[in-house]
Amino acid sequence: MNFETFVFYFLAAILLFAGVRVITARNPVHSALFLVLAFFTAAGLWILLEAEFLAITLVLVYVGAVMVLFLFVVMMLDINLEKLREGFWDYLPLAAIVTVLMMLEMVVVLGGKHFGLTQMPDPAPHAADYSNTKELGRLLYTQYVYPFELASVILLVAIVAAIALTLRRRKNTKHQNPADQVRVRRQDRVRLVSMPAEKPDEASDASTKETP
């Protein structure tokens, strides 16, 4: 067993352990931290496959942005752990069945004639000036330009649909019109009133002074 194979099995074992702990950990903060560990080990596996751009993207996007947001929400919300654990064992048989089916599918796919250790050898080493990012961009915008554009259109439609579904207008909601604010004038908002100064009567001043 060479060094790369040892690193692969070591990272794969950590990834499996972290994935199991994400589900079985009782504290949501611990589950989020184990998910961060899973992302880091997955990035290490991407580096072994010489996909440095995907590994850095996984760390920066998911660990640096998404998981920080998850941790912030979990730590700010008052989550009832007892209520969260209710029904966990009720779904265990269904989860076990789905797990066994996924494992069988992986065995069928990886054990076939098109996949496997013999059909999928290690990636060929590249020169020192080889740019993984440049090669990925070249493939996206030449060979896979139409699927890439189609995926971007689908994501755009999904964003617009999500905004349209969550946008609700309420009758009693107060809102401001920026166009009316821009057209406003000083005469419409401020009115100066000139009032003559009045001197109080001496009799009223004397009565107020004599009052105990």
Protein backbone atom coordinates (compact mmCIF):
# COMPACT_ATOMS: atom_id res chain seq x y z
CA MET A 1 0.00 0.00 0.00
CA ASN A 2 1.49 3.30 -1.10
CA PHE A 3 1.13 6.64 0.66
CA GLU A 4 -1.74 7.95 -1.50
CA THR A 5 -3.81 4.82 -0.89
CA PHE A 6 -3.23 5.12 2.86
CA VAL A 7 -4.30 8.79 2.82
CA PHE A 8 -7.41 7.89 0.81
CA TYR A 9 -8.57 5.22 3.24
CA PHE A 10 -7.72 7.43 6.21
CA LEU A 11 -9.77 10.36 4.89
CA ALA A 12 -12.57 8.05 3.80
CA ALA A 13 -12.80 6.56 7.31
CA ILE A 14 -12.95 10.04 8.84
CA LEU A 15 -15.61 11.06 6.31
CA LEU A 16 -17.79 8.06 7.14
CA PHE A 17 -17.39 8.64 10.87
CA ALA A 18 -18.26 12.34 10.52
CA GLY A 19 -21.30 11.51 8.37
CA VAL A 20 -22.61 9.07 10.96
CA ARG A 21 -22.03 11.55 13.79
CA VAL A 22 -23.95 14.25 11.92
CA ILE A 23 -27.04 12.07 12.22
CA THR A 24 -26.47 10.51 15.64
CA ALA A 25 -25.12 13.50 17.58
CA ARG A 26 -27.63 14.76 20.14
CA ASN A 27 -26.42 18.35 20.15
CA PRO A 28 -27.19 20.32 16.94
CA VAL A 29 -23.99 22.32 17.31
CA HIS A 30 -21.96 19.11 17.44
CA SER A 31 -23.79 17.87 14.33
CA ALA A 32 -22.88 21.06 12.46
CA LEU A 33 -19.23 20.75 13.54
CA PHE A 34 -19.10 17.13 12.39
CA LEU A 35 -20.53 18.28 9.05
CA VAL A 36 -17.67 20.78 8.81
CA LEU A 37 -15.24 17.91 9.42
CA ALA A 38 -16.95 15.92 6.67
CA PHE A 39 -16.53 18.81 4.24
CA PHE A 40 -12.83 19.13 5.06
CA THR A 41 -12.18 15.43 4.52
CA ALA A 42 -14.17 15.50 1.27
CA ALA A 43 -11.97 18.38 0.14
CA GLY A 44 -8.93 16.24 0.93
CA LEU A 45 -10.31 13.49 -1.31
CA TRP A 46 -10.82 16.04 -4.10
CA ILE A 47 -7.17 17.06 -3.75
CA LEU A 48 -6.11 13.43 -4.14
CA LEU A 49 -8.02 13.41 -7.44
CA GLU A 50 -6.11 16.58 -8.48
CA ALA A 51 -9.28 18.68 -8.41
CA GLU A 52 -7.86 21.53 -6.38
CA PHE A 53 -10.43 24.07 -7.55
CA LEU A 54 -13.35 21.93 -6.38
CA ALA A 55 -11.64 21.30 -3.05
CA ILE A 56 -11.03 25.00 -2.39
CA THR A 57 -14.59 25.81 -3.50
CA LEU A 58 -15.97 23.21 -1.10
CA VAL A 59 -14.03 24.70 1.81
CA LEU A 60 -14.70 28.35 1.00
CA VAL A 61 -18.38 28.07 0.06
CA TYR A 62 -19.70 25.36 2.35
CA VAL A 63 -17.39 25.62 5.34
CA GLY A 64 -16.70 29.34 5.16
CA ALA A 65 -20.23 30.53 4.36
CA VAL A 66 -22.98 27.92 4.62
CA MET A 67 -21.83 26.17 7.78
CA VAL A 68 -21.06 29.45 9.53
CA LEU A 69 -24.65 30.49 8.81
CA PHE A 70 -25.92 27.13 10.09
CA LEU A 71 -23.92 27.46 13.30
CA PHE A 72 -25.13 31.03 13.80
CA VAL A 73 -28.78 30.01 13.39
CA VAL A 74 -28.45 26.93 15.59
CA MET A 75 -26.67 28.81 18.38
CA MET A 76 -29.06 31.78 18.26
CA LEU A 77 -32.28 29.76 18.28
CA ASP A 78 -33.60 28.18 21.44
CA ILE A 79 -33.98 24.63 20.17
CA ASN A 80 -35.84 22.16 22.33
CA LEU A 81 -33.56 19.13 22.20
CA GLU A 82 -36.07 16.82 23.85
CA LYS A 83 -38.71 17.62 21.26
CA LEU A 84 -36.15 17.35 18.49
CA ARG A 85 -35.26 13.80 19.53
CA GLU A 86 -38.87 12.64 19.51
CA GLY A 87 -39.64 10.21 16.73
CA PHE A 88 -35.98 9.46 15.94
CA TRP A 89 -36.29 5.72 16.50
CA ASP A 90 -39.63 5.61 14.69
CA TYR A 91 -37.93 6.44 11.39
CA LEU A 92 -35.00 4.07 11.99
CA PRO A 93 -36.46 1.06 10.08
CA LEU A 94 -37.22 3.17 7.00
CA ALA A 95 -33.78 4.79 7.20
CA ALA A 96 -32.15 1.35 7.46
CA ILE A 97 -34.00 0.14 4.36
CA VAL A 98 -32.95 3.21 2.36
CA THR A 99 -29.36 2.77 3.54
CA VAL A 100 -29.26 -0.86 2.46
CA LEU A 101 -30.71 0.03 -0.96
CA MET A 102 -28.12 2.77 -1.47
CA MET A 103 -25.32 0.40 -0.50
CA LEU A 104 -26.60 -2.21 -2.95
CA GLU A 105 -26.76 0.40 -5.71
CA MET A 106 -23.18 1.46 -4.98
CA VAL A 107 -22.02 -2.17 -5.08
CA VAL A 108 -23.80 -2.74 -8.42
CA VAL A 109 -22.42 0.46 -9.96
CA LEU A 110 -18.87 0.21 -8.66
CA GLY A 111 -18.67 -3.55 -9.17
CA GLY A 112 -19.76 -3.43 -12.79
CA LYS A 113 -17.62 -3.59 -15.87
CA HIS A 114 -17.65 0.17 -16.43
CA PHE A 115 -16.47 1.15 -12.95
CA GLY A 116 -14.03 -0.23 -10.44
CA LEU A 117 -10.41 0.04 -9.44
CA THR A 118 -9.21 -1.50 -12.69
CA GLN A 119 -11.50 0.50 -14.99
CA MET A 120 -10.94 3.80 -13.12
CA PRO A 121 -7.20 4.21 -12.65
CA ASP A 122 -5.50 7.05 -10.83
CA PRO A 123 -5.43 10.40 -12.67
CA ALA A 124 -2.36 10.99 -14.76
CA PRO A 125 0.13 13.45 -13.29
CA HIS A 126 0.25 16.87 -14.94
CA ALA A 127 3.00 19.38 -15.46
CA ALA A 128 3.80 22.09 -12.94
CA ASP A 129 2.19 24.84 -15.06
CA TYR A 130 -1.10 22.92 -15.38
CA SER A 131 -4.11 24.98 -14.21
CA ASN A 132 -7.07 23.00 -12.96
CA THR A 133 -9.26 26.10 -12.92
CA LYS A 134 -8.38 26.99 -16.50
CA GLU A 135 -9.12 23.48 -17.72
CA LEU A 136 -12.44 23.40 -15.87
CA GLY A 137 -13.45 26.74 -17.38
CA ARG A 138 -12.45 25.59 -20.85
CA LEU A 139 -14.64 22.49 -20.57
CA LEU A 140 -17.59 24.41 -19.14
CA TYR A 141 -17.61 27.09 -21.84
CA THR A 142 -16.78 24.88 -24.83
CA GLN A 143 -17.89 21.26 -24.52
CA TYR A 144 -20.54 21.73 -21.83
CA VAL A 145 -21.68 25.27 -22.61
CA TYR A 146 -25.29 24.32 -23.40
CA PRO A 147 -25.83 22.21 -20.24
CA PHE A 148 -24.16 24.97 -18.23
CA GLU A 149 -26.44 27.65 -19.66
CA LEU A 150 -29.48 25.40 -19.20
CA ALA A 151 -28.58 24.83 -15.55
CA SER A 152 -28.18 28.59 -15.01
CA VAL A 153 -31.63 29.26 -16.54
CA ILE A 154 -33.20 26.56 -14.34
CA LEU A 155 -31.58 28.06 -11.23
CA LEU A 156 -32.78 31.53 -12.22
CA VAL A 157 -36.34 30.25 -12.67
CA ALA A 158 -36.12 28.51 -9.29
CA ILE A 159 -35.02 31.75 -7.60
CA VAL A 160 -37.85 33.74 -9.20
CA ALA A 161 -40.37 31.02 -8.28
CA ALA A 162 -39.18 30.95 -4.66
CA ILE A 163 -39.54 34.74 -4.39
CA ALA A 164 -42.97 34.64 -6.01
CA LEU A 165 -44.20 31.91 -3.68
CA THR A 166 -42.98 33.63 -0.52
CA LEU A 167 -44.11 37.14 -1.51
CA ARG A 168 -47.31 37.94 0.32
CA ARG A 169 -49.06 41.28 0.36
CA ARG A 170 -50.88 42.31 3.50
CA LYS A 171 -53.55 44.98 3.59
CA ASN A 172 -52.58 46.54 6.90
CA THR A 173 -48.84 46.62 6.21
CA LYS A 174 -47.30 50.09 6.15
CA HIS A 175 -44.82 50.68 3.37
CA GLN A 176 -43.05 53.61 1.78
CA ASN A 177 -43.03 54.67 -1.84
CA PRO A 178 -39.53 55.81 -2.86
CA ALA A 179 -40.92 57.80 -5.81
CA ASP A 180 -43.10 59.89 -3.49
CA GLN A 181 -40.14 60.44 -1.16
CA VAL A 182 -38.03 61.74 -4.03
CA ARG A 183 -40.73 64.17 -5.21
CA VAL A 184 -41.38 65.60 -1.77
CA ARG A 185 -40.85 69.36 -1.21
CA ARG A 186 -40.20 71.38 1.88
CA GLN A 187 -43.48 73.26 1.52
CA ASP A 188 -45.38 69.97 1.63
CA ARG A 189 -43.82 68.75 4.86
CA VAL A 190 -42.91 71.80 6.95
CA ARG A 191 -45.25 74.67 7.80
CA LEU A 192 -44.01 77.68 9.72
CA VAL A 193 -46.62 79.25 11.98
CA SER A 194 -46.11 82.78 13.30
CA MET A 195 -47.74 83.29 16.67
CA PRO A 196 -47.76 86.65 18.52
CA ALA A 197 -46.12 86.70 21.89
CA GLU A 198 -48.60 87.11 24.75
CA LYS A 199 -47.83 88.51 28.18
CA PRO A 200 -49.77 86.91 31.03
CA ASP A 201 -52.02 89.10 33.14
CA GLU A 202 -50.71 90.45 36.45
CA ALA A 203 -53.83 89.29 38.30
CA SER A 204 -53.38 85.73 37.15
CA ASP A 205 -49.73 85.87 38.16
CA ALA A 206 -50.64 87.09 41.64
CA SER A 207 -53.29 84.39 42.09
CA THR A 208 -50.87 81.69 41.07
CA LYS A 209 -48.30 82.97 43.56
CA GLU A 210 -50.83 83.08 46.49
CA THR A 211 -52.03 79.54 45.83
CA PRO A 212 -50.41 77.19 48.41
